[in-house]
Structures are given as structure tokens and as C-alpha cells.
């Protein structure tokens, strides 16, 4: 998800790590409404969406949403990386 310029800057290094590890990943190109971004993810059959807002940046946690079950959990980036490998 892309919530704005600060969040995008925070996420870009994490995105690079995911890609370097061979994990297909992308960031929405602009800070469109959340519904539009979720619809985009659904249309592309993206299994997990990562939400990073102010609280996530402050706490060092990511909110990861399973797009099939709808379940959302908070985890550290390292945990996400292990889960996706």
C-alpha cells in the first residue's frame, strides 16, 4: 500500500530487499485511496498486502493482510521475509 511520500520512502528499501530475495513485490505507484489499492491487489491475485502507516513506522512493525482470509497481523520485516520465502 502507498499511503504517502514518507511511507513510500520508508518502504522502498524493504521492497528492494524483497526483490533481491526473489520475492515478487511492488508498491502502488501513487497514494490512491485504500479501496482502489485493495481492488488493484485483488485483480492481480496478490496474496498479501503490507500496510505501513505512521504507527508502523514508529513501532518498526508491518501490518500484513492476507487477501484470501482477510486476516491482518503485525510483524517485523524479518518475519515477513521468512514467511514469504
Protein backbone atom coordinates (compact mmCIF):
# COMPACT_ATOMS: atom_id res chain seq x y z
CA UNK A 1 0.00 0.00 0.00
CA UNK A 2 1.10 3.51 -0.67
CA UNK A 3 -0.14 5.93 1.99
CA UNK A 4 2.07 8.86 1.01
CA UNK A 5 5.55 10.15 0.37
CA UNK A 6 7.01 9.42 3.83
CA UNK A 7 5.61 5.91 3.88
CA UNK A 8 6.86 5.26 0.35
CA UNK A 9 10.38 6.35 1.30
CA UNK A 10 10.22 4.01 4.30
CA UNK A 11 9.03 1.08 2.17
CA UNK A 12 11.33 1.38 -0.85
CA UNK A 13 14.41 -0.14 0.88
CA UNK A 14 12.23 -3.01 2.15
CA UNK A 15 10.86 -3.53 -1.35
CA UNK A 16 14.41 -3.78 -2.70
CA UNK A 17 15.28 -6.46 -0.13
CA UNK A 18 12.20 -8.50 -1.06
CA UNK A 19 13.07 -8.30 -4.74
CA UNK A 20 16.72 -9.12 -4.09
CA UNK A 21 15.48 -12.26 -2.29
CA UNK A 22 13.48 -13.24 -5.38
CA UNK A 23 10.09 -12.35 -3.92
CA UNK A 24 7.75 -10.73 -6.43
CA UNK A 25 6.66 -7.46 -4.88
CA UNK A 26 5.60 -3.97 -5.82
CA UNK A 27 4.43 -0.72 -4.34
CA UNK A 28 1.38 1.05 -5.70
CA UNK A 29 2.66 3.95 -7.84
CA UNK A 30 0.75 6.69 -6.01
CA UNK A 31 -1.11 7.31 -2.78
CA UNK A 32 -4.56 6.48 -4.13
CA UNK A 33 -7.46 5.65 -1.86
CA UNK A 34 -7.08 2.40 0.03
CA UNK A 35 -10.09 0.81 -1.67
CA UNK A 36 -8.54 1.43 -5.10
CA UNK A 37 -5.24 -0.12 -4.00
CA UNK A 38 -7.01 -3.15 -2.46
CA UNK A 39 -9.02 -3.65 -5.67
CA UNK A 40 -5.78 -3.50 -7.65
CA UNK A 41 -4.25 -6.18 -5.41
CA UNK A 42 -7.36 -8.38 -5.72
CA UNK A 43 -7.41 -8.03 -9.51
CA UNK A 44 -3.76 -9.13 -9.69
CA UNK A 45 -4.37 -12.02 -7.25
CA UNK A 46 -1.77 -10.65 -4.84
CA UNK A 47 -1.91 -12.92 -1.76
CA UNK A 48 -0.52 -10.47 0.84
CA UNK A 49 -0.68 -6.71 1.17
CA UNK A 50 1.59 -4.80 3.53
CA UNK A 51 0.23 -1.67 5.17
CA UNK A 52 2.72 0.82 6.57
CA UNK A 53 1.44 3.97 8.21
CA UNK A 54 2.77 6.28 10.89
CA UNK A 55 2.29 3.81 13.74
CA UNK A 56 4.02 1.00 11.83
CA UNK A 57 6.99 3.24 11.04
CA UNK A 58 7.27 4.32 14.69
CA UNK A 59 6.94 0.77 16.05
CA UNK A 60 9.08 -0.96 13.41
CA UNK A 61 6.25 -3.33 12.59
CA UNK A 62 4.35 -4.03 9.38
CA UNK A 63 0.65 -4.79 9.12
CA UNK A 64 0.33 -7.76 6.77
CA UNK A 65 -3.10 -8.57 5.33
CA UNK A 66 -3.87 -11.98 3.89
CA UNK A 67 -6.03 -11.11 0.91
CA UNK A 68 -7.72 -14.54 0.88
CA UNK A 69 -8.70 -14.85 4.55
CA UNK A 70 -8.80 -11.12 5.36
CA UNK A 71 -6.68 -11.75 8.46
CA UNK A 72 -4.31 -8.94 9.45
CA UNK A 73 -1.27 -9.44 11.66
CA UNK A 74 1.57 -7.20 12.77
CA UNK A 75 5.10 -8.48 12.31
CA UNK A 76 8.66 -7.35 11.90
CA UNK A 77 10.09 -7.18 8.39
CA UNK A 78 12.38 -10.14 9.09
CA UNK A 79 9.35 -12.27 9.99
CA UNK A 80 7.61 -11.28 6.76
CA UNK A 81 10.72 -12.15 4.77
CA UNK A 82 10.86 -15.62 6.32
CA UNK A 83 7.14 -16.19 5.79
CA UNK A 84 7.38 -15.34 2.09
CA UNK A 85 10.46 -17.44 1.33
